[in-house]
Amino acid sequence: MTDNLLKRPDESDVEYKNRIYLYRDIYGLTWGDIADIINSELNTSYSADKYRKESYKVLDNDYSQILKLDDKLLEYKKEKVKLNDQRTQITALTRLAAREETFRDIAIEVAANISKDRILELPEKIDIKNEEKKAILCIGDWHYGLEVDLFYNTYNTEIAVERITKLLNSVLVKIKEHNIDDLYVINLGDMISGRIHLPLRINNRIDTVQQTIEISEVLAEFLTILSQYTHVNYISVSDNHSRVEPNKKESLNTESFARIIDWFLQERLSNNKNVDFIENNFSEDFAIFSVFDHSVVAVHGDKDPQRGIVDRLNSYMQGHIDLLISAHRHHFTADENNFTEFYCNGSLIGQDQYSADLRLNSKPSQLLFICTPENFSEIIYKIKL
């Protein structure tokens, strides 16, 4: 018998019985157990029914007074609730970790299988010699898998690949022109169309899984060709179109097809010595790095309205941002505030039905920055696609 069920020296018989009545649910005792415990401690021989009826009267008469008889009881209940909460959290984290491991395993397996049939050329190791210029390439809002057929724009997977090829060739020209041997590629997200809205699911040519696999391979080839001419530093941010759960309120940041793309790329390009992956140590939705001594922060933009974004993120990051980059709006914008320059990257898709309904239009484009030690935006190329 646990010590809590024994009569204490300073307890009266009534106080003892009242305390045992309260312990009934906590220890899962039957009324027969209650009778055996109390009879043993008080040297009585009453029936279980007698104690049951007595407990109802006591509890109904003054429950608050009974609680005061034993502060440890309340603390015990609190600890029991905490323990249950902890178990719930551990279960949720375990389930999340298992799901994440499954996604990662799938990405690695798919990449390994593709590598058997489609071998990417491994370039010679590039030594970074040009300390006067580096470059930042912004890619994002490719919405691969979506079909658009409007007066001002047509878009599908074939056109997407054509525009990506045009982007690649344009970047290579600028890399050679400026003798860039160190390039930062920021994946600003929404590389797939996803399935977050019904109109998207209707207009998608292929499902989300196929979108993810195909664009991952396109990106792998894109980065591989770049790495033949310059050292590539790749970093990405989470977005909204890649989330696994369509309902935003029920979605977790970590449950995203965007993470599968990155795991795929890490496996596919694991032997490429000219490609390095920059970890997001601050948060999945923030890319933070430095070019020369210039601080660069990039976000997708779905959580950050453009009005006031500079002041808000400078305050949130608790430091000064030199270059702030976002996407999500599908059109180029630029601003400057308190020595922070802000740029919104364009999209690969251009106009879609959503923007057409709002009477909005924009040319497909992506941004390329040429940076020097003195100026992180020495030259800004808006590459129209």
Protein backbone atom coordinates (compact mmCIF):
# COMPACT_ATOMS: atom_id res chain seq x y z
CA MET A 1 0.00 0.00 0.00
CA THR A 2 1.36 3.41 -0.94
CA ASP A 3 2.18 5.76 1.95
CA ASN A 4 -0.42 8.25 0.71
CA LEU A 5 -3.15 5.80 1.65
CA LEU A 6 -1.98 5.40 5.23
CA LYS A 7 -3.46 7.43 8.08
CA ARG A 8 -1.24 10.28 9.17
CA PRO A 9 -0.44 10.85 12.84
CA ASP A 10 -1.96 14.35 12.81
CA GLU A 11 -5.19 13.30 11.02
CA SER A 12 -8.54 12.63 12.61
CA ASP A 13 -10.56 9.65 11.42
CA VAL A 14 -12.91 11.97 9.48
CA GLU A 15 -10.06 13.83 7.81
CA TYR A 16 -8.43 10.55 6.85
CA LYS A 17 -11.58 9.09 5.29
CA ASN A 18 -12.27 12.32 3.38
CA ARG A 19 -8.76 12.23 1.93
CA ILE A 20 -9.10 8.60 0.87
CA TYR A 21 -12.38 9.41 -0.88
CA LEU A 22 -10.53 12.00 -2.98
CA TYR A 23 -7.79 9.49 -3.82
CA ARG A 24 -10.30 7.02 -5.25
CA ASP A 25 -10.19 8.33 -8.85
CA ILE A 26 -6.49 9.16 -8.77
CA TYR A 27 -5.45 5.61 -7.80
CA GLY A 28 -8.32 3.90 -9.61
CA LEU A 29 -9.71 2.34 -6.40
CA THR A 30 -12.98 0.48 -6.18
CA TRP A 31 -15.31 0.99 -3.22
CA GLY A 32 -14.28 -2.44 -2.06
CA ASP A 33 -10.66 -1.24 -2.05
CA ILE A 34 -11.74 1.87 -0.14
CA ALA A 35 -13.48 -0.26 2.50
CA ASP A 36 -10.46 -2.56 2.91
CA ILE A 37 -8.03 0.38 3.25
CA ILE A 38 -10.08 2.40 5.75
CA ASN A 39 -11.14 -0.65 7.82
CA SER A 40 -7.51 -1.72 8.05
CA GLU A 41 -6.27 1.71 9.14
CA LEU A 42 -9.15 2.50 11.53
CA ASN A 43 -9.67 -1.08 12.74
CA THR A 44 -13.30 -1.09 11.63
CA SER A 45 -15.39 -3.47 9.53
CA TYR A 46 -17.86 -1.33 7.59
CA SER A 47 -19.13 -2.25 4.12
CA ALA A 48 -18.09 -0.65 0.86
CA ASP A 49 -21.65 0.65 0.40
CA LYS A 50 -21.45 2.52 3.71
CA TYR A 51 -18.30 4.38 2.67
CA ARG A 52 -19.71 5.09 -0.80
CA LYS A 53 -22.83 6.79 0.64
CA GLU A 54 -20.80 8.66 3.23
CA SER A 55 -18.43 10.01 0.58
CA TYR A 56 -21.32 11.48 -1.44
CA LYS A 57 -22.51 13.44 1.60
CA VAL A 58 -19.04 14.66 2.43
CA LEU A 59 -18.16 15.70 -1.10
CA ASP A 60 -21.50 17.41 -1.65
CA ASN A 61 -21.35 19.27 1.66
CA ASP A 62 -17.99 20.97 1.40
CA TYR A 63 -15.65 19.95 -1.39
CA SER A 64 -13.45 23.04 -1.02
CA GLN A 65 -12.76 22.24 2.63
CA ILE A 66 -11.73 18.72 1.72
CA LEU A 67 -9.23 20.03 -0.79
CA LYS A 68 -7.67 22.18 1.90
CA LEU A 69 -7.01 19.08 3.99
CA ASP A 70 -4.30 18.00 1.59
CA ASP A 71 -2.43 20.49 -0.59
CA LYS A 72 -0.40 17.64 -1.99
CA LEU A 73 -3.50 16.29 -3.67
CA LEU A 74 -3.89 19.44 -5.78
CA GLU A 75 -0.21 19.40 -6.68
CA TYR A 76 -0.51 15.76 -7.63
CA LYS A 77 -3.37 16.56 -9.98
CA LYS A 78 -1.39 19.40 -11.54
CA GLU A 79 1.56 17.14 -12.15
CA LYS A 80 -0.73 14.51 -13.63
CA VAL A 81 -2.10 17.06 -16.12
CA LYS A 82 1.42 18.23 -16.98
CA LEU A 83 2.51 14.65 -17.54
CA ASN A 84 -0.43 14.01 -19.87
CA ASP A 85 0.38 17.20 -21.80
CA GLN A 86 4.00 16.16 -22.12
CA ARG A 87 3.00 12.75 -23.39
CA THR A 88 0.72 14.38 -25.97
CA GLN A 89 3.53 16.68 -27.12
CA ILE A 90 6.03 13.84 -27.31
CA THR A 91 3.58 11.78 -29.36
CA ALA A 92 3.01 14.68 -31.74
CA LEU A 93 6.74 15.34 -32.11
CA THR A 94 7.41 11.65 -32.67
CA ARG A 95 4.74 11.51 -35.37
CA LEU A 96 6.13 14.66 -36.99
CA ALA A 97 9.70 13.35 -36.87
CA ALA A 98 8.60 10.03 -38.39
CA ARG A 99 6.77 11.83 -41.19
CA GLU A 100 9.78 14.08 -41.84
CA GLU A 101 12.09 11.06 -41.98
CA THR A 102 9.70 9.41 -44.43
CA PHE A 103 9.70 12.47 -46.70
CA ARG A 104 13.49 12.70 -46.52
CA ASP A 105 13.89 8.99 -47.28
CA ILE A 106 11.56 9.29 -50.29
CA ALA A 107 13.46 12.31 -51.63
CA ILE A 108 16.82 10.57 -51.24
CA GLU A 109 15.55 7.35 -52.83
CA VAL A 110 14.04 9.16 -55.83
CA ALA A 111 17.25 11.16 -56.33
CA ALA A 112 19.36 8.00 -56.11
CA ASN A 113 17.18 6.19 -58.65
CA ILE A 114 17.29 9.09 -61.12
CA SER A 115 21.06 9.32 -60.70
CA LYS A 116 21.39 5.79 -62.06
CA ASP A 117 19.79 6.74 -65.38
CA ARG A 118 20.66 10.43 -65.70
CA ILE A 119 24.24 11.16 -64.73
CA LEU A 120 25.05 14.79 -64.03
CA GLU A 121 28.44 15.93 -65.25
CA LEU A 122 30.81 16.67 -62.38
CA PRO A 123 32.77 19.88 -63.03
CA GLU A 124 36.33 20.60 -62.05
CA LYS A 125 36.72 22.23 -58.64
CA ILE A 126 36.59 26.02 -58.95
CA ASP A 127 38.88 28.07 -56.76
CA ILE A 128 37.39 31.43 -55.82
CA LYS A 129 39.87 34.07 -57.00
CA ASN A 130 37.77 37.15 -57.79
CA GLU A 131 37.44 38.99 -54.49
CA GLU A 132 36.08 42.10 -56.17
CA LYS A 133 32.78 40.73 -57.41
CA LYS A 134 30.20 38.14 -56.37
CA ALA A 135 26.62 37.61 -57.53
CA ILE A 136 23.21 36.79 -56.10
CA LEU A 137 20.60 35.06 -58.25
CA CYS A 138 16.97 35.08 -57.11
CA ILE A 139 14.76 32.26 -58.33
CA GLY A 140 11.18 31.79 -57.25
CA ASP A 141 7.49 31.59 -58.08
CA TRP A 142 8.05 29.12 -60.89
CA HIS A 143 4.73 27.38 -60.13
CA TYR A 144 5.78 24.36 -62.12
CA GLY A 145 2.83 22.18 -63.15
CA LEU A 146 0.29 24.98 -63.58
CA GLU A 147 -1.34 25.62 -66.94
CA VAL A 148 -2.34 29.14 -68.01
CA ASP A 149 -3.99 30.06 -71.28
CA LEU A 150 -4.88 33.76 -71.29
CA PHE A 151 -4.75 36.59 -73.83
CA TYR A 152 -1.55 38.00 -72.32
CA ASN A 153 0.12 34.79 -71.22
CA THR A 154 0.42 31.08 -71.88
CA TYR A 155 2.22 28.86 -69.41
CA ASN A 156 2.75 25.13 -68.95
CA THR A 157 5.58 22.75 -68.08
CA GLU A 158 7.17 23.04 -71.55
CA ILE A 159 7.13 26.84 -71.44
CA ALA A 160 8.47 26.73 -67.89
CA VAL A 161 11.51 24.74 -69.05
CA GLU A 162 12.01 27.16 -71.96
CA ARG A 163 12.02 30.15 -69.63
CA ILE A 164 14.34 28.39 -67.16
CA THR A 165 16.74 27.68 -70.01
CA LYS A 166 16.58 31.34 -71.08
CA LEU A 167 17.25 32.39 -67.49
CA LEU A 168 20.22 30.03 -67.25
CA ASN A 169 21.77 31.29 -70.48
CA SER A 170 21.29 34.93 -69.46
CA VAL A 171 22.92 34.32 -66.08
CA LEU A 172 25.86 32.53 -67.69
CA VAL A 173 26.44 35.51 -69.97
CA LYS A 174 26.56 37.86 -66.96
CA ILE A 175 28.78 35.48 -64.98
CA LYS A 176 31.32 35.44 -67.80
CA GLU A 177 31.01 39.18 -68.39
CA HIS A 178 31.75 40.04 -64.76
CA ASN A 179 34.13 37.14 -64.13
CA ILE A 180 31.97 35.81 -61.28
CA ASP A 181 33.38 32.71 -59.60
CA ASP A 182 31.15 32.80 -56.50
CA LEU A 183 27.37 32.84 -56.95
CA TYR A 184 24.61 32.76 -54.33
CA VAL A 185 21.36 31.19 -55.53
CA ILE A 186 18.34 32.01 -53.36
CA ASN A 187 15.33 29.76 -53.87
CA LEU A 188 12.49 32.07 -52.78
CA GLY A 189 9.88 29.31 -52.95
CA ASP A 190 6.66 28.41 -54.76
CA MET A 191 8.64 26.36 -57.24
CA ILE A 192 5.60 24.11 -57.66
CA SER A 193 1.98 25.03 -58.25
CA GLY A 194 0.85 22.88 -55.33
CA ARG A 195 -2.72 22.13 -54.32
CA ILE A 196 -3.60 24.78 -51.76
CA HIS A 197 -6.66 26.06 -53.66
CA LEU A 198 -9.32 24.31 -55.73
CA PRO A 199 -8.62 26.42 -58.87
CA LEU A 200 -4.99 25.31 -58.70
CA ARG A 201 -5.94 21.66 -58.53
CA ILE A 202 -8.19 22.18 -61.55
CA ASN A 203 -5.54 24.01 -63.59
CA ASN A 204 -2.62 21.76 -62.68
CA ARG A 205 -1.51 19.50 -65.49
CA ILE A 206 0.26 17.08 -63.13
CA ASP A 207 -0.20 16.23 -59.47
CA THR A 208 1.86 17.76 -56.67
CA VAL A 209 4.18 14.77 -56.23
CA GLN A 210 5.04 14.73 -59.92
CA GLN A 211 5.51 18.51 -59.86
CA THR A 212 7.99 18.12 -57.01
CA ILE A 213 10.00 15.33 -58.66
CA GLU A 214 10.21 17.03 -62.05
CA ILE A 215 11.13 20.51 -60.79
CA SER A 216 13.69 18.99 -58.41
CA GLU A 217 15.46 17.40 -61.35
CA VAL A 218 15.18 20.60 -63.41
CA LEU A 219 16.78 22.49 -60.52
CA ALA A 220 19.51 19.86 -60.15
CA GLU A 221 20.45 20.25 -63.80
CA PHE A 222 20.17 24.06 -63.54
CA LEU A 223 22.60 24.19 -60.60
CA THR A 224 24.92 21.65 -62.19
CA ILE A 225 25.37 23.74 -65.34
CA LEU A 226 25.92 26.88 -63.26
CA SER A 227 28.54 25.02 -61.21
CA GLN A 228 30.56 24.35 -64.36
CA TYR A 229 31.28 28.08 -64.56
CA THR A 230 31.10 29.35 -60.96
CA HIS A 231 30.99 28.14 -57.39
CA VAL A 232 27.33 27.92 -56.27
CA ASN A 233 26.02 28.60 -52.77
CA TYR A 234 22.40 27.42 -52.56
CA ILE A 235 19.89 28.49 -49.92
CA SER A 236 16.10 28.32 -49.81
CA VAL A 237 13.09 29.46 -47.79
CA SER A 238 9.73 27.86 -47.03
CA ASP A 239 6.68 29.12 -48.90
CA ASN A 240 2.91 28.68 -49.09
CA HIS A 241 2.21 26.79 -52.33
CA SER A 242 4.41 23.85 -51.31
CA ARG A 243 2.62 23.02 -48.08
CA VAL A 244 1.39 19.45 -47.82
CA GLU A 245 -1.86 20.34 -46.06
CA PRO A 246 -4.08 22.63 -48.20
CA ASN A 247 -5.75 24.16 -45.15
CA LYS A 248 -3.40 26.92 -43.99
CA LYS A 249 -4.68 26.79 -40.39
CA GLU A 250 -3.94 23.07 -40.13
CA SER A 251 -0.56 23.23 -41.88
CA LEU A 252 2.87 23.03 -40.24
CA ASN A 253 5.85 24.90 -41.67
CA THR A 254 7.92 21.73 -41.64
CA GLU A 255 5.37 19.76 -43.69
CA SER A 256 6.28 21.11 -47.10
CA PHE A 257 7.18 19.74 -50.53
CA ALA A 258 9.83 22.50 -50.63
CA ARG A 259 11.85 20.50 -48.10
CA ILE A 260 11.64 17.45 -50.37
CA ILE A 261 13.12 19.55 -53.19
CA ASP A 262 16.09 20.51 -51.00
CA TRP A 263 16.66 16.95 -49.76
CA PHE A 264 16.53 15.78 -53.37
CA LEU A 265 19.10 18.40 -54.43
CA GLN A 266 21.44 17.58 -51.56
CA GLU A 267 21.44 13.92 -52.55
CA ARG A 268 21.59 14.54 -56.31
CA LEU A 269 24.46 17.03 -56.04
CA SER A 270 26.30 15.39 -53.15
CA ASN A 271 29.39 14.71 -55.31
CA ASN A 272 29.52 18.18 -56.85
CA LYS A 273 32.36 20.05 -55.15
CA ASN A 274 31.24 23.36 -56.67
CA VAL A 275 27.85 23.39 -54.93
CA ASP A 276 27.46 24.19 -51.24
CA PHE A 277 24.19 24.24 -49.30
CA ILE A 278 23.67 27.02 -46.73
CA GLU A 279 21.65 25.95 -43.70
CA ASN A 280 18.76 28.04 -42.36
CA ASN A 281 19.78 28.24 -38.72
CA PHE A 282 17.37 31.03 -37.81
CA SER A 283 14.12 29.69 -39.27
CA GLU A 284 12.82 27.70 -42.24
CA ASP A 285 11.23 30.84 -43.71
CA PHE A 286 14.34 33.04 -43.46
CA ALA A 287 17.46 32.83 -45.63
CA ILE A 288 20.24 34.75 -43.87
CA PHE A 289 23.80 35.06 -45.17
CA SER A 290 26.52 37.59 -45.95
CA VAL A 291 28.11 38.60 -49.24
CA PHE A 292 31.39 40.32 -48.49
CA ASP A 293 30.33 42.22 -45.35
CA HIS A 294 26.79 42.92 -46.57
CA SER A 295 23.97 41.27 -44.61
CA VAL A 296 21.33 39.64 -46.80
CA VAL A 297 17.93 38.40 -45.67
CA ALA A 298 15.39 36.70 -47.93
CA VAL A 299 11.81 35.57 -47.27
CA HIS A 300 9.12 34.20 -49.51
CA GLY A 301 6.77 37.05 -48.66
CA ASP A 302 3.46 35.35 -47.89
CA LYS A 303 3.81 36.36 -44.22
CA ASP A 304 5.22 39.82 -44.88
CA PRO A 305 3.12 42.61 -46.42
CA GLN A 306 5.40 44.89 -48.41
CA ARG A 307 4.27 48.04 -46.66
CA GLY A 308 6.57 48.48 -43.69
CA ILE A 309 8.48 45.26 -44.37
CA VAL A 310 11.90 46.88 -43.97
CA ASP A 311 11.27 48.39 -40.53
CA ARG A 312 9.38 45.33 -39.33
CA LEU A 313 12.04 42.77 -40.29
CA ASN A 314 14.93 44.97 -39.15
CA SER A 315 13.22 45.13 -35.77
CA TYR A 316 12.37 41.42 -35.78
CA MET A 317 15.92 40.42 -36.68
CA GLN A 318 17.26 42.80 -34.03
CA GLY A 319 19.94 44.09 -36.38
CA HIS A 320 20.50 45.98 -39.60
CA ILE A 321 19.71 44.33 -42.94
CA ASP A 322 21.58 45.68 -45.97
CA LEU A 323 19.68 43.76 -48.64
CA LEU A 324 16.15 42.42 -48.11
CA ILE A 325 14.59 40.22 -50.78
CA SER A 326 11.10 38.70 -51.07
CA ALA A 327 8.86 37.14 -53.71
CA HIS A 328 5.22 35.97 -53.72
CA ARG A 329 3.78 39.08 -55.46
CA HIS A 330 4.84 37.94 -58.96
CA HIS A 331 6.14 41.38 -59.93
CA PHE A 332 9.32 43.38 -59.49
CA THR A 333 9.40 46.19 -56.94
CA ALA A 334 12.23 48.13 -55.31
CA ASP A 335 12.44 50.43 -52.32
CA GLU A 336 14.95 51.84 -49.87
CA ASN A 337 14.47 52.71 -46.21
CA ASN A 338 17.02 53.55 -43.50
CA PHE A 339 19.95 52.21 -45.54
CA THR A 340 18.14 48.94 -46.26
CA GLU A 341 17.37 48.17 -49.89
CA PHE A 342 14.31 46.04 -50.55
CA TYR A 343 13.57 44.13 -53.75
CA CYS A 344 10.67 41.88 -54.70
CA ASN A 345 11.57 39.24 -57.25
CA GLY A 346 9.34 38.59 -60.23
CA SER A 347 7.94 35.22 -61.26
CA LEU A 348 8.54 32.67 -63.98
CA ILE A 349 4.84 32.36 -64.68
CA GLY A 350 3.76 35.97 -65.31
CA GLN A 351 0.03 36.54 -65.40
CA ASP A 352 -2.28 33.78 -64.15
CA GLN A 353 -6.04 33.65 -63.71
CA TYR A 354 -5.86 35.08 -60.19
CA SER A 355 -3.95 38.19 -61.28
CA ALA A 356 -6.11 38.50 -64.39
CA ASP A 357 -9.23 38.61 -62.22
CA LEU A 358 -7.64 41.48 -60.30
CA ARG A 359 -6.84 43.22 -63.61
CA LEU A 360 -3.10 42.85 -62.94
CA ASN A 361 -0.34 41.86 -65.31
CA SER A 362 3.44 41.54 -65.26
CA LYS A 363 6.26 40.15 -67.37
CA PRO A 364 8.01 36.99 -66.16
CA SER A 365 11.38 37.94 -64.67
CA GLN A 366 14.03 37.01 -62.10
CA LEU A 367 16.69 39.15 -60.42
CA LEU A 368 20.47 38.96 -60.54
CA PHE A 369 22.64 41.18 -58.31
CA ILE A 370 26.31 41.93 -58.98
CA CYS A 371 27.94 42.72 -55.63
CA THR A 372 31.20 44.38 -54.70
CA PRO A 373 32.78 44.96 -51.29
CA GLU A 374 31.54 48.56 -51.41
CA ASN A 375 28.08 47.96 -52.89
CA PHE A 376 25.82 44.92 -52.61
CA SER A 377 23.71 46.19 -55.53
CA GLU A 378 26.45 47.50 -57.82
CA ILE A 379 24.45 46.25 -60.79
CA ILE A 380 20.91 44.85 -60.75
CA TYR A 381 19.71 42.81 -63.70
CA LYS A 382 16.00 42.23 -64.15
CA ILE A 383 16.15 39.25 -66.47
CA LYS A 384 12.94 39.24 -68.49
CA LEU A 385 11.71 35.83 -69.57
